Amino acid sequence: MFKKSSAVAVSAVVLAVSASSVFAADPVAWDYSGLTSSIDFSTISVGVLAVAGILAGVYAGIKGARIVLGFLRG
């Protein structure tokens, strides 16, 4: 019983110390603007949306063909 209560006490102390060190950290985050300022994602996003549009069109065509074939069979 004593081992369990001492383990709980030790873990509580470790939690209190680590929590205070997290909140005492430097509030200034790293600045990545020098690395990311020259990257342009607009062409990539247009390409991804174009592929998604093509896939949506293919899916709609397949679904429509299945419906029409279902009407013809039934």
N, C-alpha and C. Protein backbone atom coordinates (compact mmCIF):
# COMPACT_ATOMS: atom_id res chain seq x y z
N MET A 1 0.83 -1.19 0.00
CA MET A 1 0.00 0.00 0.00
C MET A 1 0.87 1.25 0.00
N PHE A 2 1.98 1.19 0.77
CA PHE A 2 2.87 2.34 0.86
C PHE A 2 3.56 2.61 -0.48
N LYS A 3 3.90 1.55 -1.22
CA LYS A 3 4.57 1.71 -2.50
C LYS A 3 3.66 2.41 -3.50
N LYS A 4 2.38 2.06 -3.46
CA LYS A 4 1.44 2.66 -4.39
C LYS A 4 1.24 4.14 -4.08
N SER A 5 1.11 4.49 -2.82
CA SER A 5 0.90 5.89 -2.47
C SER A 5 2.15 6.72 -2.75
N SER A 6 3.33 6.14 -2.57
CA SER A 6 4.55 6.90 -2.88
C SER A 6 4.70 7.06 -4.38
N ALA A 7 4.28 6.08 -5.16
CA ALA A 7 4.35 6.20 -6.61
C ALA A 7 3.40 7.29 -7.10
N VAL A 8 2.23 7.38 -6.48
CA VAL A 8 1.27 8.42 -6.85
C VAL A 8 1.83 9.79 -6.48
N ALA A 9 2.46 9.89 -5.31
CA ALA A 9 3.03 11.15 -4.88
C ALA A 9 4.17 11.58 -5.82
N VAL A 10 5.02 10.65 -6.19
CA VAL A 10 6.12 10.97 -7.10
C VAL A 10 5.60 11.41 -8.46
N SER A 11 4.59 10.74 -8.96
CA SER A 11 4.04 11.12 -10.26
C SER A 11 3.36 12.48 -10.19
N ALA A 12 2.75 12.81 -9.06
CA ALA A 12 2.13 14.13 -8.91
C ALA A 12 3.19 15.23 -8.90
N VAL A 13 4.32 14.96 -8.25
CA VAL A 13 5.40 15.95 -8.21
C VAL A 13 6.00 16.13 -9.60
N VAL A 14 6.20 15.04 -10.31
CA VAL A 14 6.75 15.11 -11.68
C VAL A 14 5.79 15.88 -12.58
N LEU A 15 4.51 15.64 -12.45
CA LEU A 15 3.51 16.35 -13.26
C LEU A 15 3.52 17.84 -12.94
N ALA A 16 3.61 18.20 -11.67
CA ALA A 16 3.62 19.61 -11.29
C ALA A 16 4.85 20.32 -11.83
N VAL A 17 6.00 19.67 -11.76
CA VAL A 17 7.24 20.29 -12.24
C VAL A 17 7.22 20.42 -13.76
N SER A 18 6.77 19.38 -14.45
CA SER A 18 6.77 19.44 -15.91
C SER A 18 5.72 20.43 -16.42
N ALA A 19 4.58 20.53 -15.76
CA ALA A 19 3.55 21.47 -16.19
C ALA A 19 4.03 22.91 -16.03
N SER A 20 4.75 23.18 -14.95
CA SER A 20 5.24 24.55 -14.77
C SER A 20 6.32 24.89 -15.78
N SER A 21 7.13 23.92 -16.18
CA SER A 21 8.15 24.20 -17.19
C SER A 21 7.55 24.40 -18.57
N VAL A 22 6.43 23.75 -18.84
CA VAL A 22 5.77 23.95 -20.13
C VAL A 22 5.20 25.36 -20.23
N PHE A 23 4.59 25.84 -19.17
CA PHE A 23 4.00 27.17 -19.19
C PHE A 23 5.05 28.26 -19.08
N ALA A 24 6.25 27.93 -18.62
CA ALA A 24 7.32 28.91 -18.53
C ALA A 24 8.15 28.98 -19.79
N ALA A 25 7.78 28.22 -20.82
CA ALA A 25 8.54 28.19 -22.06
C ALA A 25 8.43 29.53 -22.78
N ASP A 26 9.35 29.77 -23.68
CA ASP A 26 9.39 31.01 -24.44
C ASP A 26 8.16 31.10 -25.35
N PRO A 27 7.37 32.17 -25.24
CA PRO A 27 6.13 32.26 -26.02
C PRO A 27 6.35 32.54 -27.50
N VAL A 28 7.57 32.90 -27.88
CA VAL A 28 7.85 33.21 -29.28
C VAL A 28 8.11 31.91 -30.05
N ALA A 29 7.31 31.68 -31.06
CA ALA A 29 7.47 30.47 -31.86
C ALA A 29 8.54 30.69 -32.92
N TRP A 30 9.00 29.61 -33.51
CA TRP A 30 10.00 29.70 -34.57
C TRP A 30 9.38 30.35 -35.79
N ASP A 31 10.17 31.12 -36.50
CA ASP A 31 9.70 31.84 -37.68
C ASP A 31 10.14 31.09 -38.93
N TYR A 32 9.19 30.51 -39.63
CA TYR A 32 9.46 29.77 -40.86
C TYR A 32 9.13 30.59 -42.11
N SER A 33 8.87 31.87 -41.96
CA SER A 33 8.45 32.66 -43.12
C SER A 33 9.54 32.76 -44.17
N GLY A 34 10.81 32.71 -43.77
CA GLY A 34 11.89 32.73 -44.75
C GLY A 34 11.91 31.50 -45.62
N LEU A 35 11.48 30.38 -45.07
CA LEU A 35 11.46 29.14 -45.85
C LEU A 35 10.22 29.00 -46.70
N THR A 36 9.10 29.48 -46.19
CA THR A 36 7.83 29.24 -46.86
C THR A 36 7.35 30.40 -47.72
N SER A 37 8.04 31.52 -47.72
CA SER A 37 7.55 32.68 -48.47
C SER A 37 7.66 32.48 -49.98
N SER A 38 8.62 31.68 -50.43
CA SER A 38 8.80 31.51 -51.87
C SER A 38 8.03 30.33 -52.44
N ILE A 39 7.29 29.61 -51.62
CA ILE A 39 6.52 28.45 -52.09
C ILE A 39 5.12 28.91 -52.48
N ASP A 40 4.70 28.53 -53.67
CA ASP A 40 3.37 28.89 -54.16
C ASP A 40 2.56 27.62 -54.38
N PHE A 41 1.52 27.45 -53.58
CA PHE A 41 0.70 26.26 -53.65
C PHE A 41 -0.53 26.42 -54.55
N SER A 42 -0.68 27.55 -55.20
CA SER A 42 -1.90 27.78 -55.99
C SER A 42 -1.98 26.83 -57.19
N THR A 43 -0.87 26.58 -57.87
CA THR A 43 -0.92 25.68 -59.02
C THR A 43 -1.15 24.24 -58.60
N ILE A 44 -0.62 23.88 -57.45
CA ILE A 44 -0.82 22.52 -56.94
C ILE A 44 -2.28 22.32 -56.56
N SER A 45 -2.88 23.33 -55.91
CA SER A 45 -4.28 23.18 -55.50
C SER A 45 -5.20 23.13 -56.71
N VAL A 46 -4.88 23.87 -57.76
CA VAL A 46 -5.70 23.82 -58.99
C VAL A 46 -5.60 22.44 -59.61
N GLY A 47 -4.41 21.87 -59.63
CA GLY A 47 -4.23 20.52 -60.19
C GLY A 47 -4.96 19.47 -59.40
N VAL A 48 -4.90 19.56 -58.07
CA VAL A 48 -5.60 18.59 -57.22
C VAL A 48 -7.11 18.70 -57.42
N LEU A 49 -7.61 19.93 -57.49
CA LEU A 49 -9.06 20.11 -57.71
C LEU A 49 -9.47 19.63 -59.10
N ALA A 50 -8.61 19.79 -60.10
CA ALA A 50 -8.94 19.30 -61.44
C ALA A 50 -9.02 17.78 -61.46
N VAL A 51 -8.08 17.13 -60.82
CA VAL A 51 -8.11 15.66 -60.75
C VAL A 51 -9.34 15.20 -59.99
N ALA A 52 -9.67 15.88 -58.90
CA ALA A 52 -10.87 15.52 -58.13
C ALA A 52 -12.13 15.71 -58.97
N GLY A 53 -12.17 16.76 -59.78
CA GLY A 53 -13.32 16.97 -60.66
C GLY A 53 -13.44 15.89 -61.72
N ILE A 54 -12.32 15.50 -62.27
CA ILE A 54 -12.33 14.42 -63.27
C ILE A 54 -12.81 13.11 -62.65
N LEU A 55 -12.30 12.80 -61.47
CA LEU A 55 -12.73 11.57 -60.80
C LEU A 55 -14.21 11.61 -60.43
N ALA A 56 -14.71 12.78 -60.03
CA ALA A 56 -16.14 12.90 -59.73
C ALA A 56 -16.97 12.70 -60.98
N GLY A 57 -16.50 13.22 -62.12
CA GLY A 57 -17.20 13.02 -63.38
C GLY A 57 -17.22 11.56 -63.81
N VAL A 58 -16.08 10.88 -63.65
CA VAL A 58 -16.03 9.46 -63.99
C VAL A 58 -16.96 8.66 -63.10
N TYR A 59 -16.95 8.97 -61.80
CA TYR A 59 -17.83 8.26 -60.87
C TYR A 59 -19.30 8.49 -61.22
N ALA A 60 -19.65 9.72 -61.55
CA ALA A 60 -21.04 10.01 -61.91
C ALA A 60 -21.42 9.29 -63.20
N GLY A 61 -20.50 9.21 -64.15
CA GLY A 61 -20.78 8.49 -65.39
C GLY A 61 -20.99 7.00 -65.16
N ILE A 62 -20.15 6.41 -64.32
CA ILE A 62 -20.30 4.98 -64.01
C ILE A 62 -21.62 4.73 -63.28
N LYS A 63 -21.94 5.60 -62.34
CA LYS A 63 -23.19 5.43 -61.58
C LYS A 63 -24.40 5.59 -62.51
N GLY A 64 -24.34 6.56 -63.41
CA GLY A 64 -25.43 6.76 -64.37
C GLY A 64 -25.58 5.57 -65.30
N ALA A 65 -24.46 5.02 -65.76
CA ALA A 65 -24.51 3.85 -66.63
C ALA A 65 -25.12 2.65 -65.90
N ARG A 66 -24.78 2.48 -64.63
CA ARG A 66 -25.37 1.38 -63.86
C ARG A 66 -26.88 1.56 -63.70
N ILE A 67 -27.31 2.80 -63.49
CA ILE A 67 -28.75 3.05 -63.34
C ILE A 67 -29.48 2.76 -64.65
N VAL A 68 -28.94 3.24 -65.76
CA VAL A 68 -29.57 3.01 -67.07
C VAL A 68 -29.60 1.52 -67.39
N LEU A 69 -28.50 0.82 -67.14
CA LEU A 69 -28.48 -0.62 -67.39
C LEU A 69 -29.44 -1.36 -66.45
N GLY A 70 -29.62 -0.85 -65.26
CA GLY A 70 -30.58 -1.45 -64.34
C GLY A 70 -32.01 -1.27 -64.84
N PHE A 71 -32.32 -0.10 -65.44
CA PHE A 71 -33.64 0.12 -66.02
C PHE A 71 -33.87 -0.80 -67.22
N LEU A 72 -32.83 -0.98 -68.02
CA LEU A 72 -32.98 -1.82 -69.21
C LEU A 72 -33.14 -3.30 -68.84
N ARG A 73 -32.46 -3.74 -67.81
CA ARG A 73 -32.56 -5.14 -67.40
C ARG A 73 -33.88 -5.42 -66.67
N GLY A 74 -34.32 -4.47 -65.87
CA GLY A 74 -35.49 -4.72 -65.02
C GLY A 74 -36.72 -4.28 -65.66
